[in-house]
Amino acid sequence: MAKAKNVNVTVIELQKGLDIFFKDQDRFPSVEEFSDTNVLLTYFSKLPDNVSKNSNCLANFDYKRVSAKNYELDFCLATNLGNFKKGWNKISEHK
C-alpha cells in the first residue's frame, strides 16, 4: 500500500509540474523533454523513478504528449488506491 501511495503522490506532483511547464511554454513537454532531467528539474523537485517494479508492473510511469496541448500519463499501482485501480491507470489533460 505504501508504494501505491508513493506513486499516487508522485502523479499529483507530476500533474502540477506539467501545468507549470504549460503556463511557461504554452505547451506540454515533448517526450524527450520529459525524459531530460536538465529540462524538467525547473518544473519538478523530483522526477519519477521509472524503474521501480512491483508484481503488477515493470515500470510505474509512461508519459505521452498527444499534441502540444494534450498529454496522457499512464501509471501503475501495486494496489487499489482511491479512485485508481490496481495495475495501470491513465490520466490526461487537454488545454
PDB file of N, CA and C in Angstrom:
ATOM      1  N   MET A   1       0.831  -1.197   0.000  1.00  0.00           N
ATOM      2  CA  MET A   1       0.000   0.000   0.000  1.00  0.00           C
ATOM      3  C   MET A   1       0.872   1.256   0.000  1.00  0.00           C
ATOM      4  N   ALA A   2       2.003   1.234   0.705  1.00  0.00           N
ATOM      5  CA  ALA A   2       2.868   2.413   0.775  1.00  0.00           C
ATOM      6  C   ALA A   2       3.412   2.777  -0.598  1.00  0.00           C
ATOM      7  N   LYS A   3       3.792   1.761  -1.387  1.00  0.00           N
ATOM      8  CA  LYS A   3       4.299   2.044  -2.731  1.00  0.00           C
ATOM      9  C   LYS A   3       3.214   2.658  -3.600  1.00  0.00           C
ATOM     10  N   ALA A   4       1.982   2.182  -3.482  1.00  0.00           N
ATOM     11  CA  ALA A   4       0.875   2.747  -4.259  1.00  0.00           C
ATOM     12  C   ALA A   4       0.651   4.209  -3.866  1.00  0.00           C
ATOM     13  N   LYS A   5       0.714   4.518  -2.582  1.00  0.00           N
ATOM     14  CA  LYS A   5       0.550   5.906  -2.130  1.00  0.00           C
ATOM     15  C   LYS A   5       1.677   6.769  -2.666  1.00  0.00           C
ATOM     16  N   ASN A   6       2.895   6.231  -2.674  1.00  0.00           N
ATOM     17  CA  ASN A   6       4.044   6.950  -3.198  1.00  0.00           C
ATOM     18  C   ASN A   6       3.847   7.293  -4.669  1.00  0.00           C
ATOM     19  N   VAL A   7       3.374   6.337  -5.451  1.00  0.00           N
ATOM     20  CA  VAL A   7       3.120   6.577  -6.874  1.00  0.00           C
ATOM     21  C   VAL A   7       2.019   7.617  -7.031  1.00  0.00           C
ATOM     22  N   ASN A   8       0.959   7.528  -6.232  1.00  0.00           N
ATOM     23  CA  ASN A   8      -0.141   8.483  -6.314  1.00  0.00           C
ATOM     24  C   ASN A   8       0.333   9.905  -6.008  1.00  0.00           C
ATOM     25  N   VAL A   9       1.157  10.073  -4.980  1.00  0.00           N
ATOM     26  CA  VAL A   9       1.701  11.393  -4.638  1.00  0.00           C
ATOM     27  C   VAL A   9       2.563  11.903  -5.790  1.00  0.00           C
ATOM     28  N   THR A  10       3.363  11.033  -6.378  1.00  0.00           N
ATOM     29  CA  THR A  10       4.209  11.429  -7.499  1.00  0.00           C
ATOM     30  C   THR A  10       3.365  11.854  -8.689  1.00  0.00           C
ATOM     31  N   VAL A  11       2.260  11.158  -8.953  1.00  0.00           N
ATOM     32  CA  VAL A  11       1.362  11.527 -10.052  1.00  0.00           C
ATOM     33  C   VAL A  11       0.808  12.935  -9.827  1.00  0.00           C
ATOM     34  N   ILE A  12       0.399  13.236  -8.615  1.00  0.00           N
ATOM     35  CA  ILE A  12      -0.121  14.571  -8.296  1.00  0.00           C
ATOM     36  C   ILE A  12       0.964  15.628  -8.532  1.00  0.00           C
ATOM     37  N   GLU A  13       2.182  15.343  -8.097  1.00  0.00           N
ATOM     38  CA  GLU A  13       3.286  16.281  -8.299  1.00  0.00           C
ATOM     39  C   GLU A  13       3.612  16.431  -9.785  1.00  0.00           C
ATOM     40  N   LEU A  14       3.545  15.344 -10.533  1.00  0.00           N
ATOM     41  CA  LEU A  14       3.783  15.421 -11.976  1.00  0.00           C
ATOM     42  C   LEU A  14       2.746  16.302 -12.656  1.00  0.00           C
ATOM     43  N   GLN A  15       1.495  16.155 -12.270  1.00  0.00           N
ATOM     44  CA  GLN A  15       0.443  16.987 -12.848  1.00  0.00           C
ATOM     45  C   GLN A  15       0.717  18.466 -12.571  1.00  0.00           C
ATOM     46  N   LYS A  16       1.130  18.788 -11.354  1.00  0.00           N
ATOM     47  CA  LYS A  16       1.438  20.176 -11.000  1.00  0.00           C
ATOM     48  C   LYS A  16       2.594  20.693 -11.858  1.00  0.00           C
ATOM     49  N   GLY A  17       3.660  19.908 -11.967  1.00  0.00           N
ATOM     50  CA  GLY A  17       4.812  20.312 -12.759  1.00  0.00           C
ATOM     51  C   GLY A  17       4.476  20.474 -14.233  1.00  0.00           C
ATOM     52  N   LEU A  18       3.642  19.577 -14.760  1.00  0.00           N
ATOM     53  CA  LEU A  18       3.223  19.693 -16.163  1.00  0.00           C
ATOM     54  C   LEU A  18       2.386  20.945 -16.389  1.00  0.00           C
ATOM     55  N   ASP A  19       1.556  21.289 -15.408  1.00  0.00           N
ATOM     56  CA  ASP A  19       0.773  22.522 -15.512  1.00  0.00           C
ATOM     57  C   ASP A  19       1.671  23.758 -15.487  1.00  0.00           C
ATOM     58  N   ILE A  20       2.692  23.752 -14.643  1.00  0.00           N
ATOM     59  CA  ILE A  20       3.627  24.881 -14.593  1.00  0.00           C
ATOM     60  C   ILE A  20       4.384  24.983 -15.917  1.00  0.00           C
ATOM     61  N   PHE A  21       4.833  23.850 -16.449  1.00  0.00           N
ATOM     62  CA  PHE A  21       5.515  23.846 -17.748  1.00  0.00           C
ATOM     63  C   PHE A  21       4.594  24.452 -18.806  1.00  0.00           C
ATOM     64  N   PHE A  22       3.319  24.047 -18.800  1.00  0.00           N
ATOM     65  CA  PHE A  22       2.360  24.564 -19.779  1.00  0.00           C
ATOM     66  C   PHE A  22       2.197  26.085 -19.644  1.00  0.00           C
ATOM     67  N   LYS A  23       2.102  26.564 -18.418  1.00  0.00           N
ATOM     68  CA  LYS A  23       1.948  28.012 -18.197  1.00  0.00           C
ATOM     69  C   LYS A  23       3.158  28.783 -18.730  1.00  0.00           C
ATOM     70  N   ASP A  24       4.363  28.218 -18.557  1.00  0.00           N
ATOM     71  CA  ASP A  24       5.578  28.879 -19.033  1.00  0.00           C
ATOM     72  C   ASP A  24       5.751  28.777 -20.547  1.00  0.00           C
ATOM     73  N   GLN A  25       5.409  27.632 -21.118  1.00  0.00           N
ATOM     74  CA  GLN A  25       5.736  27.345 -22.517  1.00  0.00           C
ATOM     75  C   GLN A  25       4.534  27.364 -23.461  1.00  0.00           C
ATOM     76  N   ASP A  26       3.322  27.433 -22.935  1.00  0.00           N
ATOM     77  CA  ASP A  26       2.084  27.337 -23.716  1.00  0.00           C
ATOM     78  C   ASP A  26       2.000  26.016 -24.488  1.00  0.00           C
ATOM     79  N   ARG A  27       2.546  24.993 -23.884  1.00  0.00           N
ATOM     80  CA  ARG A  27       2.509  23.635 -24.437  1.00  0.00           C
ATOM     81  C   ARG A  27       3.003  22.688 -23.351  1.00  0.00           C
ATOM     82  N   PHE A  28       2.705  21.418 -23.530  1.00  0.00           N
ATOM     83  CA  PHE A  28       3.255  20.409 -22.628  1.00  0.00           C
ATOM     84  C   PHE A  28       4.602  19.941 -23.162  1.00  0.00           C
ATOM     85  N   PRO A  29       5.463  19.392 -22.301  1.00  0.00           N
ATOM     86  CA  PRO A  29       6.780  18.960 -22.775  1.00  0.00           C
ATOM     87  C   PRO A  29       6.677  17.792 -23.750  1.00  0.00           C
ATOM     88  N   SER A  30       7.635  17.735 -24.652  1.00  0.00           N
ATOM     89  CA  SER A  30       7.741  16.568 -25.531  1.00  0.00           C
ATOM     90  C   SER A  30       8.203  15.387 -24.680  1.00  0.00           C
ATOM     91  N   VAL A  31       8.134  14.204 -25.238  1.00  0.00           N
ATOM     92  CA  VAL A  31       8.606  13.010 -24.525  1.00  0.00           C
ATOM     93  C   VAL A  31      10.093  13.155 -24.223  1.00  0.00           C
ATOM     94  N   GLU A  32      10.846  13.721 -25.161  1.00  0.00           N
ATOM     95  CA  GLU A  32      12.282  13.922 -24.954  1.00  0.00           C
ATOM     96  C   GLU A  32      12.539  14.893 -23.796  1.00  0.00           C
ATOM     97  N   GLU A  33      11.776  15.991 -23.747  1.00  0.00           N
ATOM     98  CA  GLU A  33      11.925  16.953 -22.647  1.00  0.00           C
ATOM     99  C   GLU A  33      11.527  16.322 -21.319  1.00  0.00           C
ATOM    100  N   PHE A  34      10.464  15.528 -21.325  1.00  0.00           N
ATOM    101  CA  PHE A  34      10.003  14.860 -20.106  1.00  0.00           C
ATOM    102  C   PHE A  34      11.070  13.904 -19.579  1.00  0.00           C
ATOM    103  N   SER A  35      11.874  13.360 -20.482  1.00  0.00           N
ATOM    104  CA  SER A  35      12.925  12.417 -20.105  1.00  0.00           C
ATOM    105  C   SER A  35      14.243  13.103 -19.760  1.00  0.00           C
ATOM    106  N   ASP A  36      14.365  14.406 -20.037  1.00  0.00           N
ATOM    107  CA  ASP A  36      15.606  15.133 -19.834  1.00  0.00           C
ATOM    108  C   ASP A  36      15.617  15.807 -18.460  1.00  0.00           C
ATOM    109  N   THR A  37      16.406  15.269 -17.567  1.00  0.00           N
ATOM    110  CA  THR A  37      16.485  15.785 -16.204  1.00  0.00           C
ATOM    111  C   THR A  37      16.829  17.266 -16.181  1.00  0.00           C
ATOM    112  N   ASN A  38      17.741  17.700 -17.042  1.00  0.00           N
ATOM    113  CA  ASN A  38      18.165  19.103 -17.050  1.00  0.00           C
ATOM    114  C   ASN A  38      17.014  20.044 -17.393  1.00  0.00           C
ATOM    115  N   VAL A  39      16.131  19.632 -18.268  1.00  0.00           N
ATOM    116  CA  VAL A  39      14.991  20.462 -18.657  1.00  0.00           C
ATOM    117  C   VAL A  39      13.952  20.488 -17.539  1.00  0.00           C
ATOM    118  N   LEU A  40      13.605  19.330 -17.029  1.00  0.00           N
ATOM    119  CA  LEU A  40      12.457  19.244 -16.130  1.00  0.00           C
ATOM    120  C   LEU A  40      12.715  19.584 -14.678  1.00  0.00           C
ATOM    121  N   LEU A  41      13.958  19.606 -14.251  1.00  0.00           N
ATOM    122  CA  LEU A  41      14.195  19.958 -12.847  1.00  0.00           C
ATOM    123  C   LEU A  41      13.779  21.389 -12.536  1.00  0.00           C
ATOM    124  N   THR A  42      13.541  22.194 -13.558  1.00  0.00           N
ATOM    125  CA  THR A  42      12.986  23.530 -13.365  1.00  0.00           C
ATOM    126  C   THR A  42      11.536  23.443 -12.896  1.00  0.00           C
ATOM    127  N   TYR A  43      10.836  22.389 -13.294  1.00  0.00           N
ATOM    128  CA  TYR A  43       9.398  22.263 -13.039  1.00  0.00           C
ATOM    129  C   TYR A  43       9.046  21.204 -11.999  1.00  0.00           C
ATOM    130  N   PHE A  44       9.970  20.296 -11.731  1.00  0.00           N
ATOM    131  CA  PHE A  44       9.725  19.207 -10.787  1.00  0.00           C
ATOM    132  C   PHE A  44      10.851  19.159  -9.768  1.00  0.00           C
ATOM    133  N   SER A  45      10.496  18.960  -8.502  1.00  0.00           N
ATOM    134  CA  SER A  45      11.538  18.812  -7.498  1.00  0.00           C
ATOM    135  C   SER A  45      12.177  17.430  -7.576  1.00  0.00           C
ATOM    136  N   LYS A  46      11.409  16.443  -8.049  1.00  0.00           N
ATOM    137  CA  LYS A  46      11.928  15.086  -8.200  1.00  0.00           C
ATOM    138  C   LYS A  46      11.238  14.451  -9.391  1.00  0.00           C
ATOM    139  N   LEU A  47      12.031  13.878 -10.266  1.00  0.00           N
ATOM    140  CA  LEU A  47      11.460  13.187 -11.422  1.00  0.00           C
ATOM    141  C   LEU A  47      11.062  11.775 -11.021  1.00  0.00           C
ATOM    142  N   PRO A  48      10.073  11.193 -11.711  1.00  0.00           N
ATOM    143  CA  PRO A  48       9.628   9.853 -11.317  1.00  0.00           C
ATOM    144  C   PRO A  48      10.701   8.805 -11.530  1.00  0.00           C
ATOM    145  N   ASP A  49      10.710   7.844 -10.639  1.00  0.00           N
ATOM    146  CA  ASP A  49      11.609   6.709 -10.771  1.00  0.00           C
ATOM    147  C   ASP A  49      10.878   5.673 -11.610  1.00  0.00           C
ATOM    148  N   ASN A  50      11.239   5.573 -12.858  1.00  0.00           N
ATOM    149  CA  ASN A  50      10.524   4.699 -13.788  1.00  0.00           C
ATOM    150  C   ASN A  50      11.033   3.268 -13.737  1.00  0.00           C
ATOM    151  N   VAL A  51      11.939   2.960 -12.840  1.00  0.00           N
ATOM    152  CA  VAL A  51      12.438   1.599 -12.762  1.00  0.00           C
ATOM    153  C   VAL A  51      11.953   0.859 -11.524  1.00  0.00           C
ATOM    154  N   SER A  52      11.170   1.509 -10.674  1.00  0.00           N
ATOM    155  CA  SER A  52      10.588   0.804  -9.530  1.00  0.00           C
ATOM    156  C   SER A  52       9.649  -0.270 -10.062  1.00  0.00           C
ATOM    157  N   LYS A  53       9.759  -1.453  -9.514  1.00  0.00           N
ATOM    158  CA  LYS A  53       8.933  -2.560 -10.000  1.00  0.00           C
ATOM    159  C   LYS A  53       8.069  -3.096  -8.875  1.00  0.00           C
ATOM    160  N   ASN A  54       6.915  -3.604  -9.249  1.00  0.00           N
ATOM    161  CA  ASN A  54       6.092  -4.336  -8.304  1.00  0.00           C
ATOM    162  C   ASN A  54       5.540  -5.541  -9.048  1.00  0.00           C
ATOM    163  N   SER A  55       4.748  -6.339  -8.394  1.00  0.00           N
ATOM    164  CA  SER A  55       4.279  -7.579  -9.019  1.00  0.00           C
ATOM    165  C   SER A  55       3.346  -7.335 -10.198  1.00  0.00           C
ATOM    166  N   ASN A  56       2.782  -6.123 -10.316  1.00  0.00           N
ATOM    167  CA  ASN A  56       1.858  -5.821 -11.401  1.00  0.00           C
ATOM    168  C   ASN A  56       2.516  -5.131 -12.582  1.00  0.00           C
ATOM    169  N   CYS A  57       3.622  -4.450 -12.346  1.00  0.00           N
ATOM    170  CA  CYS A  57       4.166  -3.562 -13.368  1.00  0.00           C
ATOM    171  C   CYS A  57       5.690  -3.645 -13.417  1.00  0.00           C
ATOM    172  N   LEU A  58       6.210  -3.534 -14.611  1.00  0.00           N
ATOM    173  CA  LEU A  58       7.661  -3.479 -14.772  1.00  0.00           C
ATOM    174  C   LEU A  58       8.174  -2.047 -14.670  1.00  0.00           C
ATOM    175  N   ALA A  59       7.284  -1.068 -14.820  1.00  0.00           N
ATOM    176  CA  ALA A  59       7.619   0.345 -14.667  1.00  0.00           C
ATOM    177  C   ALA A  59       6.418   1.021 -14.030  1.00  0.00           C
ATOM    178  N   ASN A  60       6.596   2.232 -13.540  1.00  0.00           N
ATOM    179  CA  ASN A  60       5.482   2.913 -12.882  1.00  0.00           C
ATOM    180  C   ASN A  60       4.838   4.000 -13.724  1.00  0.00           C
ATOM    181  N   PHE A  61       5.604   4.605 -14.662  1.00  0.00           N
ATOM    182  CA  PHE A  61       5.089   5.751 -15.400  1.00  0.00           C
ATOM    183  C   PHE A  61       5.359   5.628 -16.891  1.00  0.00           C
ATOM    184  N   ASP A  62       4.430   6.167 -17.680  1.00  0.00           N
ATOM    185  CA  ASP A  62       4.627   6.294 -19.123  1.00  0.00           C
ATOM    186  C   ASP A  62       3.958   7.594 -19.551  1.00  0.00           C
ATOM    187  N   TYR A  63       4.745   8.548 -20.027  1.00  0.00           N
ATOM    188  CA  TYR A  63       4.254   9.857 -20.444  1.00  0.00           C
ATOM    189  C   TYR A  63       4.185   9.921 -21.964  1.00  0.00           C
ATOM    190  N   LYS A  64       3.074  10.452 -22.478  1.00  0.00           N
ATOM    191  CA  LYS A  64       2.908  10.652 -23.922  1.00  0.00           C
ATOM    192  C   LYS A  64       2.345  12.045 -24.145  1.00  0.00           C
ATOM    193  N   ARG A  65       2.951  12.807 -25.050  1.00  0.00           N
ATOM    194  CA  ARG A  65       2.365  14.074 -25.444  1.00  0.00           C
ATOM    195  C   ARG A  65       1.608  13.820 -26.736  1.00  0.00           C
ATOM    196  N   VAL A  66       0.295  13.867 -26.665  1.00  0.00           N
ATOM    197  CA  VAL A  66      -0.565  13.593 -27.811  1.00  0.00           C
ATOM    198  C   VAL A  66      -0.503  14.759 -28.794  1.00  0.00           C
ATOM    199  N   SER A  67      -0.498  15.975 -28.252  1.00  0.00           N
ATOM    200  CA  SER A  67      -0.329  17.197 -29.041  1.00  0.00           C
ATOM    201  C   SER A  67       0.287  18.234 -28.111  1.00  0.00           C
ATOM    202  N   ALA A  68       0.587  19.402 -28.632  1.00  0.00           N
ATOM    203  CA  ALA A  68       1.212  20.439 -27.811  1.00  0.00           C
ATOM    204  C   ALA A  68       0.352  20.801 -26.597  1.00  0.00           C
ATOM    205  N   LYS A  69      -0.959  20.593 -26.690  1.00  0.00           N
ATOM    206  CA  LYS A  69      -1.865  20.978 -25.602  1.00  0.00           C
ATOM    207  C   LYS A  69      -2.608  19.785 -25.007  1.00  0.00           C
ATOM    208  N   ASN A  70      -2.022  18.600 -25.137  1.00  0.00           N
ATOM    209  CA  ASN A  70      -2.686  17.389 -24.665  1.00  0.00           C
ATOM    210  C   ASN A  70      -1.631  16.347 -24.295  1.00  0.00           C
ATOM    211  N   TYR A  71      -1.733  15.801 -23.098  1.00  0.00           N
ATOM    212  CA  TYR A  71      -0.833  14.708 -22.715  1.00  0.00           C
ATOM    213  C   TYR A  71      -1.624  13.581 -22.070  1.00  0.00           C
ATOM    214  N   GLU A  72      -1.002  12.422 -22.013  1.00  0.00           N
ATOM    215  CA  GLU A  72      -1.511  11.263 -21.275  1.00  0.00           C
ATOM    216  C   GLU A  72      -0.404  10.780 -20.364  1.00  0.00           C
ATOM    217  N   LEU A  73      -0.764  10.456 -19.145  1.00  0.00           N
ATOM    218  CA  LEU A  73       0.187   9.904 -18.196  1.00  0.00           C
ATOM    219  C   LEU A  73      -0.400   8.599 -17.686  1.00  0.00           C
ATOM    220  N   ASP A  74       0.259   7.511 -18.011  1.00  0.00           N
ATOM    221  CA  ASP A  74      -0.137   6.198 -17.522  1.00  0.00           C
ATOM    222  C   ASP A  74       0.724   5.894 -16.303  1.00  0.00           C
ATOM    223  N   PHE A  75       0.122   5.291 -15.295  1.00  0.00           N
ATOM    224  CA  PHE A  75       0.878   4.922 -14.108  1.00  0.00           C
ATOM    225  C   PHE A  75       0.313   3.639 -13.528  1.00  0.00           C
ATOM    226  N   CYS A  76       1.182   2.915 -12.863  1.00  0.00           N
ATOM    227  CA  CYS A  76       0.827   1.599 -12.347  1.00  0.00           C
ATOM    228  C   CYS A  76       0.893   1.591 -10.826  1.00  0.00           C
ATOM    229  N   LEU A  77      -0.130   1.015 -10.213  1.00  0.00           N
ATOM    230  CA  LEU A  77      -0.202   0.900  -8.760  1.00  0.00           C
ATOM    231  C   LEU A  77      -0.168  -0.564  -8.333  1.00  0.00           C
ATOM    232  N   ALA A  78       0.435  -0.800  -7.191  1.00  0.00           N
ATOM    233  CA  ALA A  78       0.521  -2.158  -6.655  1.00  0.00           C
ATOM    234  C   ALA A  78      -0.799  -2.609  -6.047  1.00  0.00           C
ATOM    235  N   THR A  79      -1.677  -1.655  -5.721  1.00  0.00           N
ATOM    236  CA  THR A  79      -2.953  -1.979  -5.095  1.00  0.00           C
ATOM    237  C   THR A  79      -3.967  -0.882  -5.438  1.00  0.00           C
ATOM    238  N   ASN A  80      -5.247  -1.137  -5.224  1.00  0.00           N
ATOM    239  CA  ASN A  80      -6.254  -0.095  -5.418  1.00  0.00           C
ATOM    240  C   ASN A  80      -5.959   1.063  -4.472  1.00  0.00           C
ATOM    241  N   LEU A  81      -6.203   2.291  -4.950  1.00  0.00           N
ATOM    242  CA  LEU A  81      -5.949   3.465  -4.129  1.00  0.00           C
ATOM    243  C   LEU A  81      -6.898   4.570  -4.565  1.00  0.00           C
ATOM    244  N   GLY A  82      -7.832   4.930  -3.676  1.00  0.00           N
ATOM    245  CA  GLY A  82      -8.801   5.968  -4.018  1.00  0.00           C
ATOM    246  C   GLY A  82      -9.593   5.578  -5.262  1.00  0.00           C
ATOM    247  N   ASN A  83      -9.638   6.490  -6.234  1.00  0.00           N
ATOM    248  CA  ASN A  83     -10.363   6.222  -7.481  1.00  0.00           C
ATOM    249  C   ASN A  83      -9.554   5.403  -8.476  1.00  0.00           C
ATOM    250  N   PHE A  84      -8.314   5.084  -8.135  1.00  0.00           N
ATOM    251  CA  PHE A  84      -7.450   4.351  -9.055  1.00  0.00           C
ATOM    252  C   PHE A  84      -7.418   2.870  -8.696  1.00  0.00           C
ATOM    253  N   LYS A  85      -7.277   2.056  -9.714  1.00  0.00           N
ATOM    254  CA  LYS A  85      -7.299   0.605  -9.516  1.00  0.00           C
ATOM    255  C   LYS A  85      -5.885   0.025  -9.517  1.00  0.00           C
ATOM    256  N   LYS A  86      -5.783  -1.159  -8.999  1.00  0.00           N
ATOM    257  CA  LYS A  86      -4.542  -1.912  -9.042  1.00  0.00           C
ATOM    258  C   LYS A  86      -4.173  -2.130 -10.503  1.00  0.00           C
ATOM    259  N   GLY A  87      -2.912  -1.936 -10.840  1.00  0.00           N
ATOM    260  CA  GLY A  87      -2.467  -2.080 -12.225  1.00  0.00           C
ATOM    261  C   GLY A  87      -2.366  -0.722 -12.896  1.00  0.00           C
ATOM    262  N   TRP A  88      -2.513  -0.705 -14.210  1.00  0.00           N
ATOM    263  CA  TRP A  88      -2.321   0.524 -14.987  1.00  0.00           C
ATOM    264  C   TRP A  88      -3.545   1.423 -14.967  1.00  0.00           C
ATOM    265  N   ASN A  89      -3.301   2.722 -14.797  1.00  0.00           N
ATOM    266  CA  ASN A  89      -4.318   3.776 -14.806  1.00  0.00           C
ATOM    267  C   ASN A  89      -3.859   4.859 -15.779  1.00  0.00           C
ATOM    268  N   LYS A  90      -4.791   5.679 -16.232  1.00  0.00           N
ATOM    269  CA  LYS A  90      -4.459   6.727 -17.180  1.00  0.00           C
ATOM    270  C   LYS A  90      -5.140   8.022 -16.781  1.00  0.00           C
ATOM    271  N   ILE A  91      -4.385   9.112 -16.817  1.00  0.00           N
ATOM    272  CA  ILE A  91      -4.948  10.439 -16.689  1.00  0.00           C
ATOM    273  C   ILE A  91      -4.523  11.221 -17.924  1.00  0.00           C
ATOM    274  N   SER A  92      -5.326  12.181 -18.309  1.00  0.00           N
ATOM    275  CA  SER A  92      -4.955  13.011 -19.450  1.00  0.00           C
ATOM    276  C   SER A  92      -5.393  14.431 -19.200  1.00  0.00           C
ATOM    277  N   GLU A  93      -4.738  15.334 -19.889  1.00  0.00           N
ATOM    278  CA  GLU A  93      -5.034  16.764 -19.764  1.00  0.00           C
ATOM    279  C   GLU A  93      -5.172  17.344 -21.151  1.00  0.00           C
ATOM    280  N   HIS A  94      -6.193  18.156 -21.325  1.00  0.00           N
ATOM    281  CA  HIS A  94      -6.438  18.837 -22.601  1.00  0.00           C
ATOM    282  C   HIS A  94      -6.605  20.320 -22.299  1.00  0.00           C
ATOM    283  N   LYS A  95      -5.824  21.153 -22.948  1.00  0.00           N
ATOM    284  CA  LYS A  95      -5.927  22.609 -22.736  1.00  0.00           C
ATOM    285  C   LYS A  95      -6.546  23.235 -23.967  1.00  0.00           C
TER     286      LYS A  95
END
